[in-house]
Protein backbone atom coordinates (compact mmCIF):
# COMPACT_ATOMS: atom_id res chain seq x y z
CA UNK A 1 68.03 89.87 156.54
CA UNK A 2 71.74 90.88 156.30
CA UNK A 3 72.58 94.65 156.52
CA UNK A 4 74.82 94.44 153.42
CA UNK A 5 73.86 94.13 149.74
CA UNK A 6 72.42 90.58 149.47
CA UNK A 7 72.81 90.71 145.70
CA UNK A 8 76.58 90.17 146.34
CA UNK A 9 76.08 87.10 148.51
CA UNK A 10 77.72 84.01 147.08
CA UNK A 11 75.89 80.76 147.92
CA UNK A 12 78.39 78.06 148.70
CA UNK A 13 78.16 74.38 149.47
CA UNK A 14 79.01 74.61 153.13
CA UNK A 15 80.04 70.89 153.37
CA UNK A 16 82.68 71.40 150.69
CA UNK A 17 84.00 74.83 151.79
CA UNK A 18 87.20 74.85 153.73
CA UNK A 19 88.22 78.09 155.67
CA UNK A 20 91.99 78.87 156.37
CA UNK A 21 92.06 81.40 159.19
CA UNK A 22 95.46 83.13 159.77
CA UNK A 23 95.56 84.14 163.43
CA UNK A 24 94.09 82.41 166.56
CA UNK A 25 92.98 85.52 168.33
CA UNK A 26 89.41 86.59 169.05
CA UNK A 27 88.69 87.57 165.36
CA UNK A 28 90.02 84.36 163.98
CA UNK A 29 88.12 82.21 166.61
CA UNK A 30 84.92 84.26 165.95
CA UNK A 31 85.20 83.67 162.17
CA UNK A 32 85.29 79.83 163.04
CA UNK A 33 82.24 80.20 165.37
CA UNK A 34 80.04 82.15 163.02
CA UNK A 35 80.96 79.77 160.11
CA UNK A 36 79.84 76.75 162.15
CA UNK A 37 76.67 78.39 163.89
CA UNK A 38 75.37 80.56 160.93
CA UNK A 39 76.86 79.03 157.75
CA UNK A 40 76.77 75.37 158.53
CA UNK A 41 80.36 74.69 157.77
CA UNK A 42 81.50 71.41 159.40
CA UNK A 43 84.06 72.09 162.15
CA UNK A 44 86.72 69.85 160.56
CA UNK A 45 86.66 72.05 157.51
CA UNK A 46 87.89 74.95 159.44
CA UNK A 47 91.59 75.42 160.08
CA UNK A 48 93.19 78.02 162.37
CA UNK A 49 96.86 78.64 161.78
CA UNK A 50 98.79 80.49 164.56
CA UNK A 51 102.36 81.06 165.14
CA UNK A 52 101.80 81.16 168.93
CA UNK A 53 101.22 78.05 171.16
CA UNK A 54 98.03 79.42 172.76
CA UNK A 55 94.62 80.77 171.36
CA UNK A 56 93.41 84.15 172.24
CA UNK A 57 96.07 86.49 170.59
CA UNK A 58 96.09 89.78 172.49
CA UNK A 59 93.06 88.75 174.73
CA UNK A 60 95.33 87.14 177.36
CA UNK A 61 95.70 86.32 181.05
CA UNK A 62 98.08 83.93 182.40
CA UNK A 63 100.74 82.92 184.73
CA UNK A 64 103.53 85.46 184.65
CA UNK A 65 106.96 84.58 182.85
CA UNK A 66 108.42 86.67 185.72
CA UNK A 67 107.48 84.38 188.61
CA UNK A 68 106.08 81.12 189.21
CA UNK A 69 103.45 82.46 191.70
CA UNK A 70 102.50 85.60 189.71
CA UNK A 71 99.99 86.46 187.18
CA UNK A 72 99.91 88.90 184.32
CA UNK A 73 97.33 90.51 181.93
CA UNK A 74 98.83 92.83 179.29
CA UNK A 75 95.61 94.96 178.97
CA UNK A 76 92.50 95.62 180.72
CA UNK A 77 89.16 95.28 178.78
CA UNK A 78 85.69 96.77 179.57
CA UNK A 79 82.42 96.05 177.83
CA UNK A 80 78.96 97.77 177.64
CA UNK A 81 75.54 96.29 176.77
CA UNK A 82 74.69 98.86 174.20
CA UNK A 83 77.84 98.81 172.06
CA UNK A 84 79.01 95.34 172.16
CA UNK A 85 76.14 93.70 170.22
CA UNK A 86 78.25 91.45 167.95
CA UNK A 87 80.29 90.20 170.90
CA UNK A 88 77.06 89.39 172.83
CA UNK A 89 75.63 87.73 169.71
CA UNK A 90 78.60 85.41 169.53
CA UNK A 91 78.66 84.55 173.20
CA UNK A 92 75.02 83.95 173.25
CA UNK A 93 75.83 80.68 171.85
CA UNK A 94 78.89 79.65 173.84
CA UNK A 95 78.49 77.71 177.11
CA UNK A 96 80.25 79.61 180.01
CA UNK A 97 83.46 78.52 181.63
CA UNK A 98 81.95 76.97 184.83
CA UNK A 99 78.31 76.10 183.93
CA UNK A 100 77.60 74.54 180.58
CA UNK A 101 73.85 75.21 181.20
CA UNK A 102 74.52 79.02 181.06
CA UNK A 103 75.92 81.00 178.12
CA UNK A 104 78.85 83.29 178.38
CA UNK A 105 76.62 86.29 177.72
CA UNK A 106 74.19 85.38 180.40
CA UNK A 107 76.95 84.64 182.78
CA UNK A 108 78.53 88.05 182.27
CA UNK A 109 75.23 89.85 182.44
CA UNK A 110 74.19 88.09 185.63
CA UNK A 111 77.63 88.67 187.24
CA UNK A 112 77.32 92.44 186.51
CA UNK A 113 73.81 92.57 187.79
CA UNK A 114 75.30 91.51 191.23
CA UNK A 115 78.74 93.15 191.13
CA UNK A 116 77.92 96.72 189.72
CA UNK A 117 80.56 99.24 188.82
CA UNK A 118 80.32 102.62 190.55
CA UNK A 119 83.62 104.26 190.83
CA UNK A 120 84.14 106.48 193.93
CA UNK A 121 87.78 107.43 193.35
CA UNK A 122 88.08 108.03 189.62
CA UNK A 123 90.55 110.87 189.94
CA UNK A 124 93.12 111.71 192.54
CA UNK A 125 95.60 114.66 192.99
CA UNK A 126 99.17 114.77 194.10
CA UNK A 127 98.08 115.30 197.81
CA UNK A 128 96.19 111.82 197.71
CA UNK A 129 92.81 113.57 197.62
CA UNK A 130 90.11 112.01 195.72
CA UNK A 131 88.69 114.74 193.34
CA UNK A 132 84.95 115.47 192.50
CA UNK A 133 85.12 113.89 189.10
CA UNK A 134 81.42 114.81 188.40
CA UNK A 135 82.89 118.32 187.64
CA UNK A 136 84.06 117.77 184.05
CA UNK A 137 85.61 121.23 183.95
CA UNK A 138 84.52 121.96 180.37
CA UNK A 139 84.23 125.69 179.25
CA UNK A 140 82.26 127.07 176.41
CA UNK A 141 85.21 126.94 174.06
CA UNK A 142 85.93 123.24 174.94
CA UNK A 143 82.19 122.48 174.27
CA UNK A 144 82.29 124.26 170.95
CA UNK A 145 85.36 122.39 169.89
CA UNK A 146 83.79 118.97 170.85
CA UNK A 147 80.70 119.99 168.81
CA UNK A 148 82.92 120.80 165.88
CA UNK A 149 84.57 117.41 166.04
CA UNK A 150 81.22 115.69 166.20
CA UNK A 151 79.74 117.70 163.31
CA UNK A 152 82.89 117.07 161.04
CA UNK A 153 82.76 114.16 158.73
CA UNK A 154 86.04 111.95 158.47
CA UNK A 155 86.60 113.43 155.05
CA UNK A 156 86.99 116.86 156.75
CA UNK A 157 89.01 115.55 159.79
CA UNK A 158 91.21 113.54 157.59
CA UNK A 159 94.65 112.87 159.28
CA UNK A 160 94.39 115.67 161.88
CA UNK A 161 95.50 115.04 165.43
CA UNK A 162 93.17 115.64 168.48
CA UNK A 163 95.38 118.55 169.64
CA UNK A 164 94.72 120.18 166.13
CA UNK A 165 91.02 120.19 166.84
CA UNK A 166 90.96 120.87 170.60
CA UNK A 167 92.60 123.82 172.58
CA UNK A 168 95.05 123.47 175.48
CA UNK A 169 92.33 124.11 178.12
CA UNK A 170 90.49 120.89 177.02
CA UNK A 171 93.48 118.76 177.97
CA UNK A 172 93.43 120.09 181.54
CA UNK A 173 89.74 119.19 182.23
CA UNK A 174 88.55 116.28 184.27
CA UNK A 175 86.65 115.07 181.15
CA UNK A 176 89.86 114.58 179.21
CA UNK A 177 91.59 112.95 182.16
CA UNK A 178 88.88 110.50 182.40
CA UNK A 179 88.15 109.92 178.74
CA UNK A 180 91.87 109.52 177.77
CA UNK A 181 92.59 106.86 180.56
CA UNK A 182 89.32 104.96 180.08
CA UNK A 183 89.79 104.63 176.28
CA UNK A 184 93.61 105.21 175.95
CA UNK A 185 93.71 108.43 173.88
CA UNK A 186 96.68 110.58 173.67
CA UNK A 187 96.31 114.18 172.34
CA UNK A 188 98.35 113.42 169.29
CA UNK A 189 96.08 110.49 168.25
CA UNK A 190 93.53 110.65 165.46
CA UNK A 191 90.73 113.23 165.73
CA UNK A 192 88.64 110.99 163.37
CA UNK A 193 88.93 108.04 166.04
CA UNK A 194 88.06 110.46 168.84
CA UNK A 195 84.97 111.47 166.89
CA UNK A 196 84.02 107.76 166.52
CA UNK A 197 84.30 107.29 170.27
CA UNK A 198 82.26 110.30 170.88
CA UNK A 199 79.42 108.90 168.76
CA UNK A 200 79.75 105.38 170.06
CA UNK A 201 79.89 106.28 173.77
CA UNK A 202 77.63 109.32 173.99
CA UNK A 203 75.67 107.48 176.58
CA UNK A 204 78.72 107.33 178.76
CA UNK A 205 79.11 111.16 179.13
CA UNK A 206 76.80 111.47 182.15
CA UNK A 207 78.42 108.50 183.85
CA UNK A 208 82.12 108.85 182.75
CA UNK A 209 83.11 109.68 186.36
CA UNK A 210 81.72 106.30 187.71
CA UNK A 211 81.94 104.15 184.71
CA UNK A 212 78.74 102.61 185.81
CA UNK A 213 77.86 101.55 182.24
CA UNK A 214 80.96 99.29 182.27
CA UNK A 215 80.46 95.47 182.25
CA UNK A 216 83.21 93.13 183.08
CA UNK A 217 83.99 89.28 182.82
CA UNK A 218 83.71 87.12 185.91
CA UNK A 219 87.48 86.30 185.55
CA UNK A 220 90.14 87.76 183.11
CA UNK A 221 89.10 87.74 179.49
CA UNK A 222 91.26 84.72 178.48
CA UNK A 223 89.51 82.52 181.03
CA UNK A 224 86.06 84.03 180.69
CA UNK A 225 85.95 84.42 176.85
CA UNK A 226 88.70 82.59 175.09
CA UNK A 227 88.66 79.32 177.01
CA UNK A 228 84.87 78.74 176.63
CA UNK A 229 85.02 79.66 173.01
CA UNK A 230 88.14 77.44 172.42
CA UNK A 231 86.25 74.47 174.15
CA UNK A 232 83.23 74.98 171.90
CA UNK A 233 85.39 75.05 168.75
CA UNK A 234 87.35 72.01 169.77
CA UNK A 235 84.10 70.09 170.45
CA UNK A 236 83.02 70.96 166.94
CA UNK A 237 86.21 69.36 165.43
CA UNK A 238 87.92 72.62 164.28
CA UNK A 239 91.55 72.04 163.22
CA UNK A 240 93.81 74.30 165.12
CA UNK A 241 97.53 74.33 164.10
CA UNK A 242 99.63 75.99 166.79
CA UNK A 243 103.32 76.73 165.86
CA UNK A 244 102.30 77.67 162.32
CA UNK A 245 103.54 80.84 160.87
CA UNK A 246 101.89 82.22 157.71
CA UNK A 247 104.85 84.28 156.17
CA UNK A 248 103.35 85.18 152.81
CA UNK A 249 100.24 84.82 150.46
CA UNK A 250 99.86 84.74 146.82
CA UNK A 251 96.83 86.49 144.96
CA UNK A 252 95.57 86.23 141.35
CA UNK A 253 93.46 88.44 139.27
CA UNK A 254 91.26 87.15 136.42
CA UNK A 255 90.21 88.98 133.28
CA UNK A 256 87.11 90.24 134.98
CA UNK A 257 89.19 91.79 137.71
CA UNK A 258 88.11 89.35 140.43
CA UNK A 259 90.81 88.55 142.85
CA UNK A 260 91.52 85.34 144.68
CA UNK A 261 93.98 84.19 147.24
CA UNK A 262 95.76 81.24 145.73
CA UNK A 263 98.51 80.12 148.02
CA UNK A 264 99.53 80.42 151.63
CA UNK A 265 103.25 80.10 152.40
CA UNK A 266 103.87 78.70 155.85
CA UNK A 267 106.81 77.86 158.19
CA UNK A 268 106.18 75.09 160.76
CA UNK A 269 108.41 72.84 162.96
CA UNK A 270 109.14 70.86 159.70
CA UNK A 271 110.27 73.89 157.75
CA UNK A 272 108.74 75.95 154.85
CA UNK A 273 105.56 74.66 153.37
CA UNK A 274 103.12 75.74 150.61
CA UNK A 275 99.37 75.36 150.87
CA UNK A 276 97.46 75.72 147.69
CA UNK A 277 93.87 77.07 147.96
CA UNK A 278 91.33 75.44 145.52
CA UNK A 279 87.94 76.70 144.36
CA UNK A 280 86.13 75.83 147.64
CA UNK A 281 88.71 77.48 149.98
CA UNK A 282 88.45 80.78 151.81
CA UNK A 283 91.18 82.62 153.44
CA UNK A 284 90.93 85.03 156.48
CA UNK A 285 93.87 87.06 157.38
CA UNK A 286 94.47 88.85 160.64
CA UNK A 287 96.53 91.92 160.19
CA UNK A 288 99.06 93.59 162.49
CA UNK A 289 99.15 93.23 166.30
CA UNK A 290 99.01 95.62 169.24
CA UNK A 291 100.87 93.21 171.42
CA UNK A 292 103.63 92.31 169.00
CA UNK A 293 107.10 92.40 170.49
CA UNK A 294 105.71 92.68 173.99
CA UNK A 295 108.51 92.04 176.77
CA UNK A 296 108.23 91.35 180.40
CA UNK A 297 109.95 92.46 183.52
CA UNK A 298 109.89 91.31 187.11
CA UNK A 299 110.67 92.88 190.57
CA UNK A 300 114.41 93.48 189.73
CA UNK A 301 114.44 94.04 186.08
CA UNK A 302 113.14 96.22 183.24
CA UNK A 303 111.25 95.15 180.11
CA UNK A 304 113.04 96.13 176.98
CA UNK A 305 111.61 98.31 174.38
CA UNK A 306 111.80 96.33 170.89
CA UNK A 307 112.03 98.80 168.04
CA UNK A 308 112.78 96.54 165.14
CA UNK A 309 109.87 94.23 164.87
CA UNK A 310 111.36 90.93 165.65
CA UNK A 311 108.39 88.65 166.36
CA UNK A 312 106.61 88.62 163.02
CA UNK A 313 103.44 90.36 164.18
CA UNK A 314 103.57 92.82 161.37
CA UNK A 315 105.61 90.90 158.72
CA UNK A 316 102.64 89.07 156.93
CA UNK A 317 100.81 92.44 156.45
CA UNK A 318 103.82 94.12 155.14
CA UNK A 319 104.46 91.40 152.51
CA UNK A 320 100.85 91.28 151.21
CA UNK A 321 100.43 95.06 151.41
CA UNK A 322 103.23 95.35 148.87
CA UNK A 323 101.22 93.13 146.36
CA UNK A 324 98.01 95.28 146.09
CA UNK A 325 97.54 99.05 146.54
CA UNK A 326 94.29 98.64 148.57
CA UNK A 327 95.71 96.14 151.18
CA UNK A 328 96.67 98.93 153.62
CA UNK A 329 99.68 100.64 154.82
CA UNK A 330 101.01 98.97 157.90
CA UNK A 331 103.80 101.53 158.55
CA UNK A 332 101.20 104.10 159.34
CA UNK A 333 100.60 102.20 162.58
CA UNK A 334 103.89 100.60 163.40
CA UNK A 335 106.15 103.48 162.31
CA UNK A 336 105.99 105.75 165.34
CA UNK A 337 106.74 103.70 168.38
CA UNK A 338 107.25 106.63 170.71
CA UNK A 339 103.69 107.78 170.11
CA UNK A 340 102.20 104.38 170.55
CA UNK A 341 104.09 102.51 173.16
CA UNK A 342 102.62 101.45 176.62
CA UNK A 343 103.73 99.96 179.80
CA UNK A 344 101.35 98.00 181.94
CA UNK A 345 101.88 96.01 185.15
CA UNK A 346 100.09 93.47 187.19
CA UNK A 347 100.47 93.10 190.95
CA UNK A 348 100.14 89.77 192.47
CA UNK A 349 99.48 90.25 196.34
CA UNK A 350 100.15 87.40 198.63
CA UNK A 351 98.03 88.80 201.45
CA UNK A 352 95.21 91.34 201.87
CA UNK A 353 97.15 94.32 203.39
CA UNK A 354 97.53 96.35 200.19
CA UNK A 355 94.14 95.24 198.89
CA UNK A 356 92.19 96.23 202.06
CA UNK A 357 93.98 99.59 202.22
CA UNK A 358 92.88 100.23 198.67
CA UNK A 359 89.34 99.29 199.43
CA UNK A 360 89.21 101.52 202.48
CA UNK A 361 90.82 104.35 200.52
CA UNK A 362 88.74 104.26 197.34
CA UNK A 363 85.43 103.09 198.87
CA UNK A 364 85.11 100.36 196.26
CA UNK A 365 85.17 96.65 196.90
CA UNK A 366 87.24 94.70 194.29
CA UNK A 367 85.24 94.69 191.05
CA UNK A 368 83.03 97.57 191.69
CA UNK A 369 85.60 100.39 191.08
CA UNK A 370 87.06 101.46 187.84
CA UNK A 371 90.31 103.20 186.98
CA UNK A 372 91.88 105.18 189.71
CA UNK A 373 93.99 107.87 188.00
CA UNK A 374 96.60 110.19 189.55
CA UNK A 375 96.21 113.02 187.26
CA UNK A 376 99.34 115.00 188.52
CA UNK A 377 101.57 112.06 188.57
CA UNK A 378 104.77 112.02 186.65
CA UNK A 379 104.05 108.68 184.98
CA UNK A 380 100.20 109.52 184.81
CA UNK A 381 99.50 106.22 186.65
CA UNK A 382 96.13 104.50 186.70
CA UNK A 383 95.22 101.20 188.48
CA UNK A 384 92.02 99.08 188.66
CA UNK A 385 91.22 96.34 191.21
CA UNK A 386 89.21 93.58 189.57
CA UNK A 387 86.77 91.25 191.26
CA UNK A 388 88.69 88.54 193.01
CA UNK A 389 89.71 85.90 192.28
CA UNK A 390 90.71 87.31 188.76
CA UNK A 391 92.08 83.91 187.73
CA UNK A 392 90.21 80.62 188.43
CA UNK A 393 93.19 78.79 189.64
CA UNK A 394 94.52 81.45 192.09
CA UNK A 395 95.74 80.18 195.48
CA UNK A 396 93.90 81.15 198.49
CA UNK A 397 94.90 84.48 199.93
CA UNK A 398 96.30 85.63 196.57
CA UNK A 399 94.95 88.83 194.77
CA UNK A 400 95.77 90.86 191.73
CA UNK A 401 95.40 94.43 190.35
CA UNK A 402 96.27 95.89 187.03
CA UNK A 403 97.65 99.31 186.10
CA UNK A 404 99.52 101.25 183.43
CA UNK A 405 101.49 104.50 182.90
CA UNK A 406 100.56 107.01 180.28
CA UNK A 407 103.79 109.26 180.36
CA UNK A 408 106.43 106.70 181.27
CA UNK A 409 109.30 108.55 179.63
CA UNK A 410 108.99 111.13 182.48
CA UNK A 411 110.36 110.73 186.05
CA UNK A 412 108.06 109.43 188.82
CA UNK A 413 107.23 111.38 191.82
CA UNK A 414 108.60 108.84 194.34
CA UNK A 415 111.15 107.09 192.14
CA UNK A 416 113.43 109.59 190.21
CA UNK A 417 113.40 107.49 187.06
CA UNK A 418 111.31 107.30 183.93
CA UNK A 419 108.93 104.37 184.15
CA UNK A 420 110.48 102.86 180.98
CA UNK A 421 113.73 102.45 183.12
CA UNK A 422 112.09 101.38 186.29
CA UNK A 423 112.28 97.87 187.71
CA UNK A 424 109.19 96.20 189.11
CA UNK A 425 110.31 97.16 192.57
CA UNK A 426 110.55 100.84 191.53
CA UNK A 427 107.04 100.72 190.03
CA UNK A 428 105.59 99.21 193.08
CA UNK A 429 107.30 101.90 195.18
CA UNK A 430 105.80 104.63 192.95
CA UNK A 431 102.20 103.10 193.15
CA UNK A 432 102.35 102.81 196.97
CA UNK A 433 103.68 106.39 197.16
CA UNK A 434 100.94 107.77 194.97
CA UNK A 435 98.37 106.00 197.26
CA UNK A 436 99.92 107.62 200.37
CA UNK A 437 100.59 104.23 201.90
CA UNK A 438 104.26 104.74 202.86
CA UNK A 439 103.84 103.07 206.28
CA UNK A 440 103.29 99.63 204.51
CA UNK A 441 105.77 100.02 201.65
CA UNK A 442 108.31 97.43 203.19
CA UNK A 443 105.61 94.99 203.78
CA UNK A 444 104.14 95.35 200.32
CA UNK A 445 107.51 94.93 198.70
CA UNK A 446 107.97 91.72 200.70
CA UNK A 447 104.57 90.21 199.82
CA UNK A 448 103.94 91.32 196.37
CA UNK A 449 105.09 89.99 192.88
CA UNK A 450 104.87 92.56 189.99
CA UNK A 451 104.98 91.86 186.23
CA UNK A 452 105.59 94.78 183.92
CA UNK A 453 104.98 94.65 180.22
CA UNK A 454 106.45 96.87 177.57
CA UNK A 455 104.26 96.95 174.31
CA UNK A 456 105.64 99.02 171.35
CA UNK A 457 102.32 99.29 169.52
CA UNK A 458 99.53 99.11 172.17
CA UNK A 459 97.85 102.26 170.88
CA UNK A 460 99.02 102.29 167.39
CA UNK A 461 95.40 101.74 166.12
CA UNK A 462 94.64 105.31 167.26
CA UNK A 463 97.52 106.74 165.01
CA UNK A 464 96.57 109.44 162.60
CA UNK A 465 95.64 107.79 159.32
CA UNK A 466 94.37 108.67 155.87
CA UNK A 467 91.83 106.72 153.52
CA UNK A 468 93.23 103.47 152.51
CA UNK A 469 95.78 103.09 155.42
CA UNK A 470 93.35 100.38 156.67
CA UNK A 471 91.95 97.91 154.23
CA UNK A 472 88.31 96.89 153.94
CA UNK A 473 87.32 93.67 155.48
CA UNK A 474 86.26 92.45 151.97
CA UNK A 475 88.59 94.17 149.39
CA UNK A 476 86.82 95.16 146.21
CA UNK A 477 86.32 92.21 143.82
CA UNK A 478 87.61 89.66 146.45
CA UNK A 479 86.18 86.28 145.65
CA UNK A 480 87.59 84.24 148.52
CA UNK A 481 89.46 86.19 151.08
CA UNK A 482 88.88 88.80 153.87
CA UNK A 483 90.93 90.75 156.41
CA UNK A 484 90.37 90.81 160.13
CA UNK A 485 91.48 92.49 163.31
CA UNK A 486 92.01 95.90 164.71
CA UNK A 487 93.66 97.40 161.56
CA UNK A 488 90.81 96.78 159.10
CA UNK A 489 88.37 99.55 158.14
CA UNK A 490 84.82 99.17 159.57
CA UNK A 491 83.18 102.55 158.79
CA UNK A 492 81.56 104.01 162.05
CA UNK A 493 82.89 101.39 164.38
CA UNK A 494 85.57 101.83 167.03
CA UNK A 495 89.04 100.08 167.20
CA UNK A 496 90.56 99.04 170.49
CA UNK A 497 87.55 96.97 171.35
CA UNK A 498 86.84 93.25 171.26
CA UNK A 499 83.64 94.27 169.54
CA UNK A 500 85.57 95.49 166.53
CA UNK A 501 87.33 92.05 166.10
CA UNK A 502 83.99 90.20 166.49
CA UNK A 503 82.17 92.61 164.21
CA UNK A 504 84.68 92.32 161.41
CA UNK A 505 84.61 88.57 161.74
CA UNK A 506 80.93 88.31 161.44
CA UNK A 507 81.03 90.58 158.30
CA UNK A 508 83.66 88.56 156.70
CA UNK A 509 81.93 85.19 157.30
CA UNK A 510 78.39 86.48 156.19
CA UNK A 511 79.71 88.21 153.07
CA UNK A 512 81.90 85.33 151.90
CA UNK A 513 79.61 82.51 152.86
CA UNK A 514 76.39 84.08 151.82
CA UNK A 515 74.66 84.21 155.25
CA UNK A 516 71.42 86.10 155.10
CA UNK A 517 71.21 87.12 158.70
CA UNK A 518 71.23 90.46 160.35
CA UNK A 519 74.31 91.78 161.68
CA UNK A 520 73.69 94.00 164.73
CA UNK A 521 73.64 97.58 163.78
CA UNK A 522 76.22 99.92 165.01
CA UNK A 523 75.03 101.66 168.09
CA UNK A 524 75.38 105.45 168.18
CA UNK A 525 73.91 107.08 171.26
CA UNK A 526 73.37 110.36 169.41
CA UNK A 527 70.56 108.76 167.43
CA UNK A 528 68.53 108.34 170.63
CA UNK A 529 67.12 111.80 171.54
CA UNK A 530 66.98 110.86 175.28
CA UNK A 531 70.65 109.67 175.35
CA UNK A 532 71.73 112.72 173.27
CA UNK A 533 69.89 115.20 175.46
CA UNK A 534 71.28 113.72 178.64
CA UNK A 535 74.79 113.97 177.37
CA UNK A 536 74.30 117.52 176.27
CA UNK A 537 72.86 118.37 179.79
CA UNK A 538 75.98 116.82 181.31
CA UNK A 539 78.44 118.75 179.10
CA UNK A 540 76.60 121.97 179.61
CA UNK A 541 76.18 121.68 183.37
CA UNK A 542 79.63 120.48 184.46
C-alpha cells in the first residue's frame, strides 16, 4: 500500500502515458526508473530533457577541465543504511557498474562490509595534533538549547537561524565542529533544517567522531550510481535529449480549479521550439541547482565567483514561480551568495608520497577514514581520502583526495590570502602546511595536480526559509505535473542528500501514475527508544 491518500490516485494507461522530465540529474533519472519499474511505462514513452551534455546533474565525477591527467568531484557524498531507504530501493533494481549479476545496492553494501569507516583523525588543531573527538564538549546550556530545537516544531522555529537558537559556546564545541563539517551547516543557516538533521541522524550522535555509520560507493558517485542507472535506462529505450534547455512552461486552470501543464518552451541547437502536452502527458520539473555557475581553477589560476546567474540553473524556476503563488520563491535560495558559496578542491597525486604520509599520520587507510578537519585553520579546511582508485579509469600510481574550505574569505595560515583568491598551488601549500608536511612540499607541488571549484549556491538549500518558499512535490490540484530536486518541500526529510532527490521522485511518480506501492517511511532515530537513549547518553556524558 502507498503511504499517501490512495483515494487521490489517478489510474492511467501506462502504454499511452508520456513523461517529459526536465533535468537529467538523479531526481529526473529516478523518475524514469520508477515509472518503468513500478508503473509499467514503456521506456520510449519517457523523455529526459537536459541542457547539459552529460547525465547526473550535480552528482558528478570526471576528468578535470584544468588538466588532462587530473580528476575532479565538486562535492563529497556519504550514505547510511538507515536513512537512505528510497535510494536503496531504487538501486536494488539496477545492475552494478562492473558486475551485472549484482545490484548497485548489494555492491555498495558488500564493499562497505569490507572497507569500514572508522575515522581516527577527525579533528586536528593548529599544532598538527589529532584531538580526542570523543569529547563533544557540550555543557548543560548547550544540551538544553539542543533539546529546545528538537522540541520546537517548524511552525515555532520559522525562519530563525541556528545562531538565534544556540549560544556562542555551542559553536566552540567539538560536536559542532564535526556536525557542521559532516553535513555542511553554517551557524547562519536554518534552525528548522538543523532540527530535521538532528531527527534524521540521531543515530549518528554516538559515532559522530568516527563516522562509522557512513556508507560509501566503490568509486565516485557518478561512476558508481549515475553510469549504472543511465545504462539501465538506455537499455529500456528511454529518450534522453541532451543540449535541450527548457526555458519556460505554461499552465492552465479549469473551472474546477484543476491545474495542468500545457506547454514546454525549449531551446535546442535548432533554435526555439514549443512542445504541447496532451491529455496523457506528465511533466516533471527539476527546480534550482546547487552547482549552477560552478567555475574551475588549476594550479596557477583562481576560479571566479559568478554572482549574476549566467548558466540558466535558476531561470526556469524563476519564470514558472512568477505564474503561480505556490510554485515557490527561488530568490530565498539564490539571493545571498556570500552565505551559501563553497570552494572545494580535488588533488590528483601522481605518486604515493603524500598519500602514504597522510595514511601514517591519520592511522586510516584510504576509504576507512572520514573528514579530517583543522578546526583552528583560517580557511577551516577539511579533506577526505577515498578508497583508491576513486575513478575506474585512473592510471597506475595515480590517487585522489577531496577537500573544501568553510571560511574561504579569511586568510590562510600558511598562505596569506583568502582561499577565494588562492591559486591551486596556494591551496596545496596550505593543505601541506596544515598537515605539517613541509619537508615534502616541493615534491608534492611537482607531482600533484589540483582542481578547485567555486560554487555560489552549494549550501543554499540550508538558507533560512518560510512556508511556501519551497513548493510541494505535487502542488495542490495538479493534474499532470510535479516538482523535483533539492528545493521542493518534503516534510520531515532532509535536503543536501541524494535520498531527498530520489524520495521526491518516487513520491511524484507514485502519485501521478497511481502506483499503489509503499514508499519507505522517513527514518527518525528518536522513534527508536534504544537509539534515542544511546544518543542521550552520548550527549550527557561527553
